[in-house]
Amino acid sequence: MLFKGDRWAISKERSRRDYEIGGLELWNMATRSNAQKAWIYEQYLREKDDQNCPPHMEVWKSEKENSLSRIHIKCWKAWKLLHHPRERITLKLNQVKPKYENKQKLKVIYRNMMDIKYKGWNKHQPTTGQKLIQKNINHPILPFREARSITTIKGRDLAWRYLLKALPKHHGENCHSCKEEESSMHIFFECKSIKQNIDSIYQKVCKDSNNTYHGPWSEKVLGKLLTPFSSNLIGAIMESIWYRRNQIKFNDNTTIITETQIIHKIKKARDAEWDRTRKIVEKQLRQELRCTDNRESINRTASIKRRLEKFSHNWNSKLMPINIPEHFIPYCSYNTNYS
């Protein structure tokens, strides 16, 4: 009879051993693969006299001529040791290990098979989009890194697809608004039916929000994703242009892009960011009230001021002022624009 401590010792011993000598390393994916091969072979032994030829028999017949059949048998024999592991507890590792020293690993067999069938399968072959990113990663006009600052999902997706030249459109098709050839640049920056309207909206929003105006609406504005406000302004305009294009193409419905639509999209992104900032500041205020150390309290206050100042620099403007709570006012510096 084994006591609890002995049973624990046995299970611990088995957990350290390899499966080939009665261990239980079942969390190893290679071991699970061997267990599957052992199970297939065991099913074959049970069903080999069946005339109906079950699926496991077909699997075995398909691999019988292959050298992998010997691996099935080896795995099956090694797996049978798990049925009676206690009988092998007394054996030392060096008494069993030499039998498996020259065994070829399944990973080596797999790699050899893949090398024969698919040359260069383990070499990195970048796609067309990956090559484009590698080429233009530091391009002054095509900002692959800065496009992440667009928080609206649709706007960021369109900006990213535009940079990769992967917009869902038919190549060689004409624009449904001005009948010119429809390219990615034409849709967003060169279409005559919207260029003047978009340019005036972009210029007016930049001016009213005290944001820097970087010239007329063109592809060069993509290199000016400096703050979340300007990034989401560009993302909102691209989203509205794409929606208008799809309405004309699929529904024959001509829509007009207005300044109100663009500001509404930016406000939604701004409000989401303000909610996150407000929750963090509220938490820091509660922590500050519980502070007993004067130095720690000063650090908390400085952290709150920095966070509010950063949000004001990135988002707040006269066009869309934030109504700040009264208990936040003492932490706002003179250069913030909260109302």
Protein backbone atom coordinates (compact mmCIF):
# COMPACT_ATOMS: atom_id res chain seq x y z
CA MET A 1 0.00 0.00 0.00
CA LEU A 2 1.31 3.40 -0.93
CA PHE A 3 0.89 6.40 1.31
CA LYS A 4 -0.05 9.82 0.00
CA GLY A 5 3.54 10.99 0.06
CA ASP A 6 4.66 7.98 -1.99
CA ARG A 7 1.95 8.56 -4.60
CA TRP A 8 3.01 12.18 -4.86
CA ALA A 9 6.62 11.08 -5.27
CA ILE A 10 5.66 8.69 -8.05
CA SER A 11 3.63 11.29 -9.94
CA LYS A 12 6.42 13.83 -9.52
CA GLU A 13 8.95 11.31 -10.82
CA ARG A 14 6.77 10.56 -13.82
CA SER A 15 6.25 14.22 -14.57
CA ARG A 16 10.00 14.71 -14.86
CA ARG A 17 10.54 11.78 -17.20
CA ASP A 18 10.18 11.72 -20.92
CA TYR A 19 7.17 9.84 -22.30
CA GLU A 20 9.48 7.21 -23.80
CA ILE A 21 10.45 5.97 -20.34
CA GLY A 22 7.02 6.18 -18.74
CA GLY A 23 6.84 9.93 -18.13
CA LEU A 24 3.83 12.20 -18.44
CA GLU A 25 5.07 15.17 -20.48
CA LEU A 26 1.69 15.50 -22.15
CA TRP A 27 1.89 19.28 -22.36
CA ASN A 28 4.60 18.89 -25.00
CA MET A 29 3.08 19.19 -28.49
CA ALA A 30 5.58 16.70 -29.91
CA THR A 31 4.49 14.19 -27.28
CA ARG A 32 0.85 14.70 -28.20
CA SER A 33 1.71 14.07 -31.83
CA ASN A 34 3.41 10.81 -30.88
CA ALA A 35 0.40 9.85 -28.78
CA GLN A 36 -1.84 10.35 -31.79
CA LYS A 37 0.38 8.12 -33.93
CA ALA A 38 0.36 5.48 -31.19
CA TRP A 39 -3.42 5.65 -31.00
CA ILE A 40 -3.76 5.25 -34.79
CA TYR A 41 -1.55 2.18 -34.73
CA GLU A 42 -3.46 0.68 -31.80
CA GLN A 43 -6.73 1.20 -33.66
CA TYR A 44 -5.16 -0.49 -36.65
CA LEU A 45 -4.21 -3.53 -34.55
CA ARG A 46 -7.77 -3.80 -33.26
CA GLU A 47 -9.44 -3.37 -36.63
CA LYS A 48 -7.01 -5.06 -39.02
CA ASP A 49 -9.22 -8.17 -39.30
CA ASP A 50 -12.31 -6.10 -40.07
CA GLN A 51 -13.41 -6.50 -43.69
CA ASN A 52 -15.19 -3.14 -43.73
CA CYS A 53 -11.80 -1.34 -43.76
CA PRO A 54 -12.47 1.45 -41.24
CA PRO A 55 -10.83 4.90 -41.53
CA HIS A 56 -7.91 4.00 -39.28
CA MET A 57 -7.11 1.03 -41.51
CA GLU A 58 -7.06 3.37 -44.53
CA VAL A 59 -4.72 5.76 -42.74
CA TRP A 60 -2.37 2.95 -41.90
CA LYS A 61 -2.42 1.53 -45.44
CA SER A 62 -1.65 4.94 -46.91
CA GLU A 63 1.45 5.23 -44.71
CA LYS A 64 2.54 1.61 -44.74
CA GLU A 65 5.06 2.12 -47.54
CA ASN A 66 6.40 5.24 -45.88
CA SER A 67 9.24 5.19 -43.37
CA LEU A 68 6.89 6.93 -40.94
CA SER A 69 5.18 3.58 -40.24
CA ARG A 70 8.18 2.56 -38.15
CA ILE A 71 7.69 5.71 -36.09
CA HIS A 72 4.07 4.69 -35.46
CA ILE A 73 5.23 1.36 -34.06
CA LYS A 74 7.92 2.98 -31.93
CA CYS A 75 5.47 5.50 -30.52
CA TRP A 76 2.95 2.78 -29.81
CA LYS A 77 5.48 0.63 -27.97
CA ALA A 78 6.74 3.61 -25.98
CA TRP A 79 3.19 4.64 -25.16
CA LYS A 80 2.37 1.19 -23.78
CA LEU A 81 4.86 1.85 -20.99
CA LEU A 82 2.42 4.35 -19.52
CA HIS A 83 -0.01 1.53 -18.67
CA HIS A 84 2.38 0.16 -16.03
CA PRO A 85 4.62 3.04 -14.93
CA ARG A 86 5.14 1.80 -11.36
CA GLU A 87 7.05 -1.24 -12.59
CA ARG A 88 9.62 1.10 -14.14
CA ILE A 89 10.06 3.40 -11.12
CA THR A 90 13.05 1.41 -9.90
CA LEU A 91 14.86 1.65 -13.24
CA LYS A 92 17.48 4.35 -13.50
CA LEU A 93 17.52 6.78 -16.37
CA ASN A 94 20.88 5.58 -17.70
CA GLN A 95 19.49 2.03 -17.99
CA VAL A 96 16.75 3.05 -20.40
CA LYS A 97 18.13 6.06 -22.25
CA PRO A 98 20.67 4.24 -24.49
CA LYS A 99 17.83 2.49 -26.35
CA TYR A 100 16.65 5.85 -27.68
CA GLU A 101 19.90 7.68 -28.19
CA ASN A 102 19.97 7.12 -31.96
CA LYS A 103 16.26 7.75 -32.49
CA GLN A 104 15.60 10.35 -35.17
CA LYS A 105 13.41 13.18 -33.93
CA LEU A 106 10.05 13.78 -35.57
CA LYS A 107 10.94 17.44 -36.07
CA VAL A 108 14.00 16.43 -38.13
CA ILE A 109 11.90 14.04 -40.23
CA TYR A 110 9.30 16.75 -40.81
CA ARG A 111 11.92 19.30 -41.88
CA ASN A 112 13.56 16.82 -44.27
CA MET A 113 10.20 16.03 -45.88
CA MET A 114 9.37 19.72 -46.28
CA ASP A 115 12.82 20.49 -47.72
CA ILE A 116 12.31 17.81 -50.37
CA LYS A 117 8.74 18.79 -51.25
CA TYR A 118 8.86 22.60 -50.84
CA LYS A 119 12.22 24.26 -51.38
CA GLY A 120 12.71 27.38 -49.31
CA TRP A 121 9.57 26.76 -47.22
CA ASN A 122 11.25 27.97 -44.01
CA LYS A 123 12.56 31.23 -45.54
CA HIS A 124 10.70 34.50 -45.03
CA GLN A 125 9.05 35.63 -48.26
CA PRO A 126 7.44 39.06 -47.70
CA THR A 127 4.17 39.85 -49.43
CA THR A 128 3.67 42.83 -51.73
CA GLY A 129 2.20 44.88 -48.88
CA GLN A 130 5.09 44.01 -46.55
CA LYS A 131 7.61 45.04 -49.21
CA LEU A 132 5.78 48.35 -49.58
CA ILE A 133 5.93 48.97 -45.83
CA GLN A 134 9.65 48.16 -45.72
CA LYS A 135 10.28 50.55 -48.61
CA ASN A 136 8.19 53.46 -47.35
CA ILE A 137 8.44 53.05 -43.57
CA ASN A 138 10.21 56.42 -43.20
CA HIS A 139 8.59 58.16 -46.17
CA PRO A 140 7.88 61.83 -45.33
CA ILE A 141 4.44 61.77 -46.97
CA LEU A 142 3.27 58.20 -46.32
CA PRO A 143 3.36 57.89 -42.50
CA PHE A 144 2.90 54.19 -41.74
CA ARG A 145 3.79 54.68 -38.08
CA GLU A 146 1.74 57.84 -37.48
CA ALA A 147 -1.43 56.31 -38.96
CA ARG A 148 -1.91 54.48 -35.67
CA SER A 149 -2.89 57.78 -34.00
CA ILE A 150 -6.24 57.75 -35.87
CA THR A 151 -8.62 56.38 -33.24
CA THR A 152 -11.75 55.98 -35.39
CA ILE A 153 -11.76 52.41 -36.66
CA LYS A 154 -13.08 53.11 -40.18
CA GLY A 155 -10.83 56.14 -40.69
CA ARG A 156 -7.73 54.26 -39.56
CA ASP A 157 -8.62 51.28 -41.73
CA LEU A 158 -9.06 53.47 -44.82
CA ALA A 159 -5.81 55.37 -44.18
CA TRP A 160 -3.94 52.09 -43.74
CA ARG A 161 -5.47 50.54 -46.86
CA TYR A 162 -4.66 53.68 -48.84
CA LEU A 163 -1.02 53.54 -47.75
CA LEU A 164 -0.83 49.86 -48.75
CA LYS A 165 -2.73 50.43 -52.02
CA ALA A 166 -5.23 47.81 -50.85
CA LEU A 167 -8.59 49.59 -51.11
CA PRO A 168 -11.52 47.30 -52.07
CA LYS A 169 -12.12 48.63 -55.58
CA HIS A 170 -11.90 47.44 -59.19
CA HIS A 171 -8.72 48.44 -61.00
CA GLY A 172 -9.25 50.32 -64.23
CA GLU A 173 -12.80 51.40 -63.35
CA ASN A 174 -13.92 54.98 -63.96
CA CYS A 175 -15.03 57.33 -61.19
CA HIS A 176 -18.83 57.55 -60.91
CA SER A 177 -18.70 61.29 -60.17
CA CYS A 178 -16.30 62.77 -62.73
CA LYS A 179 -15.89 59.78 -65.12
CA GLU A 180 -12.08 59.82 -64.86
CA GLU A 181 -9.97 56.78 -64.06
CA GLU A 182 -10.55 55.83 -60.43
CA SER A 183 -7.30 55.33 -58.53
CA SER A 184 -6.71 55.40 -54.78
CA MET A 185 -5.31 58.93 -54.97
CA HIS A 186 -8.15 60.05 -57.24
CA ILE A 187 -10.84 58.90 -54.79
CA PHE A 188 -9.54 60.87 -51.83
CA PHE A 189 -7.48 63.75 -53.24
CA GLU A 190 -8.04 64.38 -56.97
CA CYS A 191 -11.76 63.93 -57.70
CA LYS A 192 -12.97 67.28 -59.08
CA SER A 193 -16.50 66.83 -57.73
CA ILE A 194 -15.37 67.03 -54.07
CA LYS A 195 -11.89 68.54 -54.05
CA GLN A 196 -12.97 72.16 -53.64
CA ASN A 197 -15.58 71.33 -50.98
CA ILE A 198 -13.18 69.15 -48.95
CA ASP A 199 -10.42 71.76 -49.19
CA SER A 200 -12.70 74.47 -47.78
CA ILE A 201 -13.89 72.20 -44.94
CA TYR A 202 -10.35 71.15 -44.07
CA GLN A 203 -9.12 74.75 -44.07
CA LYS A 204 -12.07 76.04 -42.00
CA VAL A 205 -11.84 73.30 -39.34
CA CYS A 206 -8.09 73.82 -38.98
CA LYS A 207 -8.60 77.57 -38.62
CA ASP A 208 -11.51 77.38 -36.14
CA SER A 209 -9.70 74.84 -33.97
CA ASN A 210 -6.44 76.83 -33.85
CA ASN A 211 -4.73 73.93 -35.62
CA THR A 212 -1.93 74.50 -38.09
CA TYR A 213 -3.18 74.61 -41.69
CA HIS A 214 -0.79 72.60 -43.85
CA GLY A 215 -1.91 73.75 -47.28
CA PRO A 216 -4.71 72.53 -49.54
CA TRP A 217 -6.22 69.06 -49.28
CA SER A 218 -3.78 66.68 -50.99
CA GLU A 219 -1.76 63.55 -50.28
CA LYS A 220 0.81 65.68 -48.46
CA VAL A 221 -1.57 66.16 -45.51
CA LEU A 222 -0.93 62.50 -44.60
CA GLY A 223 2.55 63.56 -43.56
CA LYS A 224 1.05 65.98 -41.01
CA LEU A 225 -0.44 63.48 -38.54
CA LEU A 226 1.08 65.39 -35.63
CA THR A 227 -1.69 65.36 -33.01
CA PRO A 228 -4.73 63.12 -32.45
CA PHE A 229 -6.99 66.03 -33.50
CA SER A 230 -5.33 66.51 -36.90
CA SER A 231 -5.05 62.73 -37.41
CA ASN A 232 -8.73 62.14 -36.69
CA LEU A 233 -9.69 65.13 -38.83
CA ILE A 234 -7.97 63.50 -41.80
CA GLY A 235 -9.46 60.10 -40.88
CA ALA A 236 -12.98 61.58 -40.64
CA ILE A 237 -12.66 63.27 -44.04
CA MET A 238 -11.42 60.05 -45.67
CA GLU A 239 -14.29 58.12 -44.08
CA SER A 240 -16.87 60.63 -45.39
CA ILE A 241 -15.35 60.57 -48.89
CA TRP A 242 -15.44 56.76 -49.00
CA TYR A 243 -19.05 56.68 -47.77
CA ARG A 244 -20.07 59.22 -50.44
CA ARG A 245 -18.31 57.22 -53.15
CA ASN A 246 -20.13 53.99 -52.14
CA GLN A 247 -23.50 55.76 -51.98
CA ILE A 248 -23.08 57.02 -55.55
CA LYS A 249 -21.79 53.71 -56.88
CA PHE A 250 -24.21 51.26 -55.25
CA ASN A 251 -27.31 53.33 -54.38
CA ASP A 252 -27.22 56.14 -57.00
CA ASN A 253 -27.57 58.55 -54.11
CA THR A 254 -25.45 61.71 -54.24
CA THR A 255 -24.60 62.90 -50.74
CA ILE A 256 -22.93 66.16 -49.74
CA ILE A 257 -20.08 66.21 -47.25
CA THR A 258 -20.61 68.99 -44.71
CA GLU A 259 -18.50 70.53 -41.99
CA THR A 260 -21.01 69.39 -39.36
CA GLN A 261 -20.50 65.73 -40.31
CA ILE A 262 -16.73 66.01 -39.98
CA ILE A 263 -16.89 67.80 -36.62
CA HIS A 264 -19.38 65.23 -35.30
CA LYS A 265 -17.00 62.35 -36.12
CA ILE A 266 -14.08 64.14 -34.43
CA LYS A 267 -16.22 64.88 -31.36
CA LYS A 268 -17.04 61.20 -30.96
CA ALA A 269 -13.33 60.32 -30.92
CA ARG A 270 -12.59 63.27 -28.61
CA ASP A 271 -15.35 62.29 -26.15
CA ALA A 272 -14.09 58.71 -25.97
CA GLU A 273 -10.57 59.92 -25.18
CA TRP A 274 -11.91 62.43 -22.62
CA ASP A 275 -13.83 59.67 -20.81
CA ARG A 276 -10.64 57.64 -20.49
CA THR A 277 -8.67 60.67 -19.29
CA ARG A 278 -11.36 61.71 -16.79
CA LYS A 279 -11.51 58.23 -15.23
CA ILE A 280 -7.74 58.14 -14.78
CA VAL A 281 -7.69 61.65 -13.26
CA GLU A 282 -10.55 60.77 -10.89
CA LYS A 283 -8.62 57.72 -9.72
CA GLN A 284 -5.46 59.77 -9.19
CA LEU A 285 -7.45 62.38 -7.21
CA ARG A 286 -8.75 59.68 -4.86
CA GLN A 287 -5.21 58.39 -4.39
CA GLU A 288 -4.00 61.91 -3.69
CA LEU A 289 -6.59 62.41 -0.93
CA ARG A 290 -5.38 59.26 0.79
CA CYS A 291 -1.72 60.30 0.61
CA THR A 292 0.00 60.95 3.95
CA ASP A 293 3.43 61.67 2.52
CA ASN A 294 3.86 65.25 1.30
CA ARG A 295 6.31 64.28 -1.45
CA GLU A 296 4.00 61.61 -2.82
CA SER A 297 1.12 64.09 -2.82
CA ILE A 298 3.19 66.56 -4.86
CA ASN A 299 4.01 63.84 -7.40
CA ARG A 300 0.33 62.92 -7.73
CA THR A 301 -0.62 66.54 -8.32
CA ALA A 302 2.07 66.94 -10.99
CA SER A 303 0.90 63.75 -12.71
CA ILE A 304 -2.70 65.02 -12.85
CA LYS A 305 -1.59 68.37 -14.29
CA ARG A 306 0.52 66.66 -16.97
CA ARG A 307 -2.34 64.42 -18.03
CA LEU A 308 -4.82 67.29 -18.32
CA GLU A 309 -2.28 69.42 -20.17
CA LYS A 310 -1.53 66.59 -22.60
CA PHE A 311 -5.21 66.09 -23.39
CA SER A 312 -5.67 69.84 -23.88
CA HIS A 313 -2.71 69.97 -26.27
CA ASN A 314 -3.93 66.98 -28.30
CA TRP A 315 -7.68 67.53 -28.40
CA ASN A 316 -9.06 70.67 -26.80
CA SER A 317 -9.81 73.70 -29.00
CA LYS A 318 -12.18 76.65 -29.31
CA LEU A 319 -14.14 74.70 -31.90
CA MET A 320 -14.89 71.86 -29.45
CA PRO A 321 -14.25 73.02 -25.86
CA ILE A 322 -14.47 70.62 -22.94
CA ASN A 323 -16.71 71.45 -19.96
CA ILE A 324 -14.28 70.55 -17.22
CA PRO A 325 -15.59 69.57 -13.75
CA GLU A 326 -15.07 72.14 -11.01
CA HIS A 327 -12.77 69.92 -8.93
CA PHE A 328 -10.41 69.64 -11.96
CA ILE A 329 -9.94 73.42 -12.28
CA PRO A 330 -7.16 73.79 -9.64
CA TYR A 331 -5.07 71.31 -11.63
CA CYS A 332 -5.38 73.12 -14.99
CA SER A 333 -2.43 75.25 -15.98
CA TYR A 334 -2.70 78.63 -17.67
CA ASN A 335 -2.01 77.27 -21.18
CA THR A 336 -4.93 74.85 -21.29
CA ASN A 337 -8.12 75.66 -23.18
CA TYR A 338 -10.80 74.20 -20.93
CA SER A 339 -14.02 76.15 -20.63
